[in-house]
């Protein structure tokens, strides 16, 4: 009589000498035994290899020819985090780079550096730089106070925490549209000028390559037509005052 079923799986292992076919099946990848020294087993096309370390950790590597003609290894990630299918895709991409004369290892390092740079330099730092330059230029306190108002109320809440390289023309357009929606076209114009200047300074400082606020004026709505209050010309004043004296109307008395 069976009282209970064991609640565990039996993990079978496999020696690499027992490999019968390639590309290696998932069951083989999972069960390959480690040895005293790390070893690589060819997986299939694109010079893709499966590496097993003495501690049992496994990862993918691809063998490629560098631009100088020498052979090199490029790591593609650990197993099982990177599946066999994904490893094949990454190996093919690496070989394509190599065939184009680009070292995949150097390309990966440059991309990592570029991606890291995107997360640096929040827009708020460039805003602070721009504002300090305005102070250094000796602008009046009333003007600086107005700048602080639209910086704190509009620009910084919308864009301040974004990496400057990640800000797009759509981000800037959305900010402009939000300001226009409340009818503050004068504020919109000041903010548009400020944004262009902030990004221009950032380009000059090497913090970004393009100015996403450069073309905002092309989609800005027109200012509403100014309606002047009714007024009298100087020549009309004498007859108006005469008519006013002769008028029988009186100031109403409100109870």
Protein backbone atom coordinates (compact mmCIF):
# COMPACT_ATOMS: atom_id res chain seq x y z
CA UNK A 1 0.00 0.00 0.00
CA UNK A 2 1.37 3.42 -1.03
CA UNK A 3 0.93 5.90 1.79
CA UNK A 4 2.21 8.97 -0.09
CA UNK A 5 3.82 10.04 -3.32
CA UNK A 6 7.28 11.66 -3.10
CA UNK A 7 6.90 15.38 -3.79
CA UNK A 8 10.11 15.89 -5.72
CA UNK A 9 11.43 15.36 -9.21
CA UNK A 10 14.34 13.12 -10.05
CA UNK A 11 17.01 15.18 -11.83
CA UNK A 12 18.92 13.11 -14.33
CA UNK A 13 22.38 14.21 -15.35
CA UNK A 14 24.25 13.61 -18.56
CA UNK A 15 27.93 13.44 -19.43
CA UNK A 16 29.01 15.31 -22.51
CA UNK A 17 30.51 12.10 -23.91
CA UNK A 18 26.93 10.80 -24.15
CA UNK A 19 25.74 13.58 -26.49
CA UNK A 20 24.26 11.87 -29.56
CA UNK A 21 23.02 14.71 -31.78
CA UNK A 22 23.06 18.43 -32.42
CA UNK A 23 21.72 21.00 -32.03
CA UNK A 24 21.52 20.13 -28.35
CA UNK A 25 18.04 19.46 -27.04
CA UNK A 26 16.70 21.38 -24.06
CA UNK A 27 16.87 18.24 -21.93
CA UNK A 28 20.58 17.91 -22.75
CA UNK A 29 21.26 21.56 -21.94
CA UNK A 30 19.59 21.22 -18.58
CA UNK A 31 21.27 17.93 -17.63
CA UNK A 32 24.88 18.34 -18.79
CA UNK A 33 27.22 17.58 -15.89
CA UNK A 34 30.01 19.96 -14.88
CA UNK A 35 33.60 18.77 -15.00
CA UNK A 36 36.80 19.72 -13.20
CA UNK A 37 37.44 22.37 -15.85
CA UNK A 38 34.94 24.43 -17.78
CA UNK A 39 34.16 23.18 -21.24
CA UNK A 40 32.30 24.32 -24.35
CA UNK A 41 30.03 22.22 -26.49
CA UNK A 42 29.15 23.40 -30.00
CA UNK A 43 25.42 23.97 -30.27
CA UNK A 44 24.83 24.35 -33.97
CA UNK A 45 25.02 27.10 -36.57
CA UNK A 46 26.71 30.53 -36.27
CA UNK A 47 29.54 29.08 -34.13
CA UNK A 48 27.29 29.08 -31.09
CA UNK A 49 28.65 27.25 -28.03
CA UNK A 50 27.24 26.11 -24.72
CA UNK A 51 29.68 26.58 -21.83
CA UNK A 52 29.50 24.59 -18.58
CA UNK A 53 31.54 25.76 -15.57
CA UNK A 54 32.84 23.54 -12.75
CA UNK A 55 30.31 25.07 -10.33
CA UNK A 56 27.47 23.97 -12.61
CA UNK A 57 26.67 27.38 -14.06
CA UNK A 58 26.01 27.46 -17.78
CA UNK A 59 26.07 30.16 -20.40
CA UNK A 60 26.08 30.84 -24.13
CA UNK A 61 29.06 32.09 -26.14
CA UNK A 62 29.64 32.74 -29.80
CA UNK A 63 32.94 32.43 -31.63
CA UNK A 64 33.54 35.26 -34.11
CA UNK A 65 36.32 36.77 -36.17
CA UNK A 66 37.37 40.26 -35.09
CA UNK A 67 38.08 43.05 -37.60
CA UNK A 68 41.84 42.40 -37.11
CA UNK A 69 41.35 38.83 -38.33
CA UNK A 70 41.81 37.17 -34.94
CA UNK A 71 39.18 34.97 -33.31
CA UNK A 72 37.33 36.07 -30.20
CA UNK A 73 34.56 34.98 -27.82
CA UNK A 74 31.40 36.95 -27.14
CA UNK A 75 29.16 36.09 -24.17
CA UNK A 76 25.44 35.98 -24.94
CA UNK A 77 24.02 35.38 -21.46
CA UNK A 78 23.46 32.63 -18.93
CA UNK A 79 21.27 29.55 -19.27
CA UNK A 80 18.36 29.07 -18.62
CA UNK A 81 17.81 32.87 -18.54
CA UNK A 82 18.66 32.90 -22.24
CA UNK A 83 16.85 30.13 -24.05
CA UNK A 84 18.34 28.20 -26.96
CA UNK A 85 16.11 30.09 -29.40
CA UNK A 86 17.16 33.47 -28.05
CA UNK A 87 20.82 32.41 -28.04
CA UNK A 88 20.56 31.49 -31.74
CA UNK A 89 19.08 34.91 -32.50
CA UNK A 90 21.83 36.72 -30.59
CA UNK A 91 24.54 34.59 -32.24
CA UNK A 92 23.19 35.41 -35.70
CA UNK A 93 23.14 39.13 -34.84
CA UNK A 94 26.73 38.96 -33.56
CA UNK A 95 27.93 37.23 -36.71
CA UNK A 96 26.18 39.84 -38.83
CA UNK A 97 28.04 42.59 -36.97
CA UNK A 98 31.30 40.74 -37.44
CA UNK A 99 30.66 40.34 -41.17
CA UNK A 100 30.10 44.11 -41.35
CA UNK A 101 33.49 44.74 -39.77
CA UNK A 102 32.10 45.57 -36.31
CA UNK A 103 33.41 43.85 -33.20
CA UNK A 104 30.30 42.62 -31.32
CA UNK A 105 32.05 42.90 -27.94
CA UNK A 106 33.00 46.54 -28.56
CA UNK A 107 29.54 47.24 -29.97
CA UNK A 108 27.89 45.83 -26.83
CA UNK A 109 30.15 47.91 -24.57
CA UNK A 110 29.44 51.09 -26.54
CA UNK A 111 25.70 50.44 -26.46
CA UNK A 112 25.78 49.81 -22.71
CA UNK A 113 27.63 53.12 -22.24
CA UNK A 114 25.12 54.92 -24.46
CA UNK A 115 22.14 53.40 -22.64
CA UNK A 116 23.67 54.39 -19.31
CA UNK A 117 24.17 57.95 -20.54
CA UNK A 118 20.45 58.18 -21.31
CA UNK A 119 19.63 57.61 -17.65
CA UNK A 120 21.97 60.42 -16.58
CA UNK A 121 21.60 64.18 -16.89
CA UNK A 122 17.98 64.82 -15.87
CA UNK A 123 16.39 67.78 -17.62
CA UNK A 124 16.13 69.60 -14.29
CA UNK A 125 19.94 69.97 -14.25
CA UNK A 126 19.88 71.75 -17.61
CA UNK A 127 17.01 73.95 -16.40
CA UNK A 128 19.08 74.96 -13.35
CA UNK A 129 22.06 75.73 -15.60
CA UNK A 130 19.91 77.92 -17.88
CA UNK A 131 18.38 79.78 -14.94
CA UNK A 132 21.76 80.44 -13.34
CA UNK A 133 22.96 81.92 -16.61
CA UNK A 134 19.98 84.30 -16.51
CA UNK A 135 20.96 85.36 -13.00
CA UNK A 136 24.56 85.89 -14.13
CA UNK A 137 23.28 88.06 -16.99
CA UNK A 138 21.88 90.45 -14.37
CA UNK A 139 18.18 90.16 -15.20
CA UNK A 140 15.78 92.09 -13.01
CA UNK A 141 14.30 90.28 -10.02
CA UNK A 142 10.80 90.74 -11.44
CA UNK A 143 11.85 88.92 -14.62
CA UNK A 144 13.54 86.15 -12.66
CA UNK A 145 10.44 85.79 -10.51
CA UNK A 146 8.33 85.30 -13.64
CA UNK A 147 10.80 82.69 -14.91
CA UNK A 148 10.72 80.80 -11.62
CA UNK A 149 6.94 80.77 -11.85
CA UNK A 150 6.71 79.01 -15.21
CA UNK A 151 9.66 76.76 -14.41
CA UNK A 152 8.10 75.51 -11.18
CA UNK A 153 4.50 75.40 -12.41
CA UNK A 154 4.90 74.05 -15.94
CA UNK A 155 8.33 72.95 -17.16
CA UNK A 156 9.73 71.05 -14.19
CA UNK A 157 6.56 69.08 -13.32
CA UNK A 158 6.28 67.89 -16.93
CA UNK A 159 9.91 67.29 -17.90
CA UNK A 160 12.18 67.80 -14.91
CA UNK A 161 12.79 64.16 -13.97
CA UNK A 162 13.22 62.90 -17.55
CA UNK A 163 16.75 62.25 -18.85
CA UNK A 164 17.41 65.07 -21.29
CA UNK A 165 18.27 62.65 -24.10
CA UNK A 166 14.97 60.86 -23.62
CA UNK A 167 12.79 63.95 -24.12
CA UNK A 168 11.01 63.90 -27.48
CA UNK A 169 9.27 66.53 -29.63
CA UNK A 170 5.99 64.88 -28.56
CA UNK A 171 6.84 65.59 -24.90
CA UNK A 172 7.44 69.26 -25.66
CA UNK A 173 4.32 69.49 -27.84
CA UNK A 174 2.22 67.97 -25.05
CA UNK A 175 3.48 70.61 -22.63
CA UNK A 176 2.65 73.38 -25.08
CA UNK A 177 -0.83 71.98 -25.69
CA UNK A 178 -1.51 71.78 -21.95
CA UNK A 179 -0.64 75.44 -21.51
CA UNK A 180 -2.71 76.46 -24.53
CA UNK A 181 -5.69 74.54 -23.13
CA UNK A 182 -5.90 76.98 -20.24
CA UNK A 183 -5.63 79.96 -22.58
CA UNK A 184 -2.21 81.10 -21.33
CA UNK A 185 -0.72 81.90 -24.72
CA UNK A 186 1.66 84.54 -23.36
CA UNK A 187 3.09 82.03 -20.89
CA UNK A 188 3.26 79.45 -23.69
CA UNK A 189 5.41 81.77 -25.80
CA UNK A 190 7.83 82.44 -22.94
CA UNK A 191 8.10 78.72 -22.17
CA UNK A 192 8.71 77.87 -25.80
CA UNK A 193 11.62 80.32 -25.94
CA UNK A 194 13.01 78.97 -22.66
CA UNK A 195 12.82 75.36 -23.86
CA UNK A 196 14.66 76.15 -27.07
CA UNK A 197 17.41 77.91 -25.13
CA UNK A 198 17.73 75.13 -22.53
CA UNK A 199 18.12 72.44 -25.19
CA UNK A 200 20.52 74.59 -27.24
CA UNK A 201 22.77 75.00 -24.22
CA UNK A 202 22.56 71.27 -23.53
CA UNK A 203 23.63 70.50 -27.11
CA UNK A 204 26.58 72.85 -26.74
CA UNK A 205 27.52 71.09 -23.48
CA UNK A 206 27.37 67.66 -25.12
CA UNK A 207 24.37 66.45 -23.11
CA UNK A 208 22.11 65.80 -26.12
CA UNK A 209 22.23 65.96 -29.90
CA UNK A 210 18.88 67.42 -30.97
CA UNK A 211 16.55 70.19 -29.85
CA UNK A 212 13.04 68.67 -29.49
CA UNK A 213 11.54 72.12 -28.87
CA UNK A 214 12.89 73.66 -32.07
CA UNK A 215 9.68 73.45 -34.13
CA UNK A 216 6.97 74.10 -31.53
CA UNK A 217 6.00 77.39 -33.13
CA UNK A 218 4.83 75.45 -36.21
CA UNK A 219 1.97 73.86 -34.23
CA UNK A 220 1.21 76.68 -31.82
CA UNK A 221 -2.37 77.94 -31.97
CA UNK A 222 -2.96 81.59 -32.83
CA UNK A 223 -3.44 84.03 -30.03
CA UNK A 224 -7.05 85.18 -29.63
CA UNK A 225 -7.82 88.49 -31.29
CA UNK A 226 -7.43 91.38 -28.87
CA UNK A 227 -10.69 93.20 -28.22
CA UNK A 228 -10.09 96.75 -27.07
CA UNK A 229 -12.42 98.44 -24.61
CA UNK A 230 -14.79 101.05 -26.14
CA UNK A 231 -13.26 104.52 -26.13
CA UNK A 232 -13.82 108.08 -27.34
CA UNK A 233 -11.54 110.10 -29.52
CA UNK A 234 -10.43 113.46 -28.18
CA UNK A 235 -12.60 115.29 -30.70
CA UNK A 236 -15.64 113.38 -29.45
CA UNK A 237 -15.23 114.40 -25.82
CA UNK A 238 -16.89 117.89 -25.92
CA UNK A 239 -20.20 116.70 -27.44
CA UNK A 240 -20.16 113.68 -25.08
CA UNK A 241 -19.70 115.85 -21.99
CA UNK A 242 -22.41 118.27 -23.19
CA UNK A 243 -24.82 115.37 -23.73
CA UNK A 244 -23.92 114.02 -20.31
CA UNK A 245 -24.77 117.35 -18.62
CA UNK A 246 -28.10 117.54 -20.40
CA UNK A 247 -28.98 113.95 -19.61
CA UNK A 248 -31.95 113.37 -17.33
CA UNK A 249 -30.57 110.01 -16.14
CA UNK A 250 -29.42 109.74 -12.58
CA UNK A 251 -27.20 107.33 -10.65
CA UNK A 252 -29.44 104.51 -9.45
CA UNK A 253 -30.01 104.27 -5.74
CA UNK A 254 -29.85 100.62 -4.59
CA UNK A 255 -31.73 99.64 -1.49
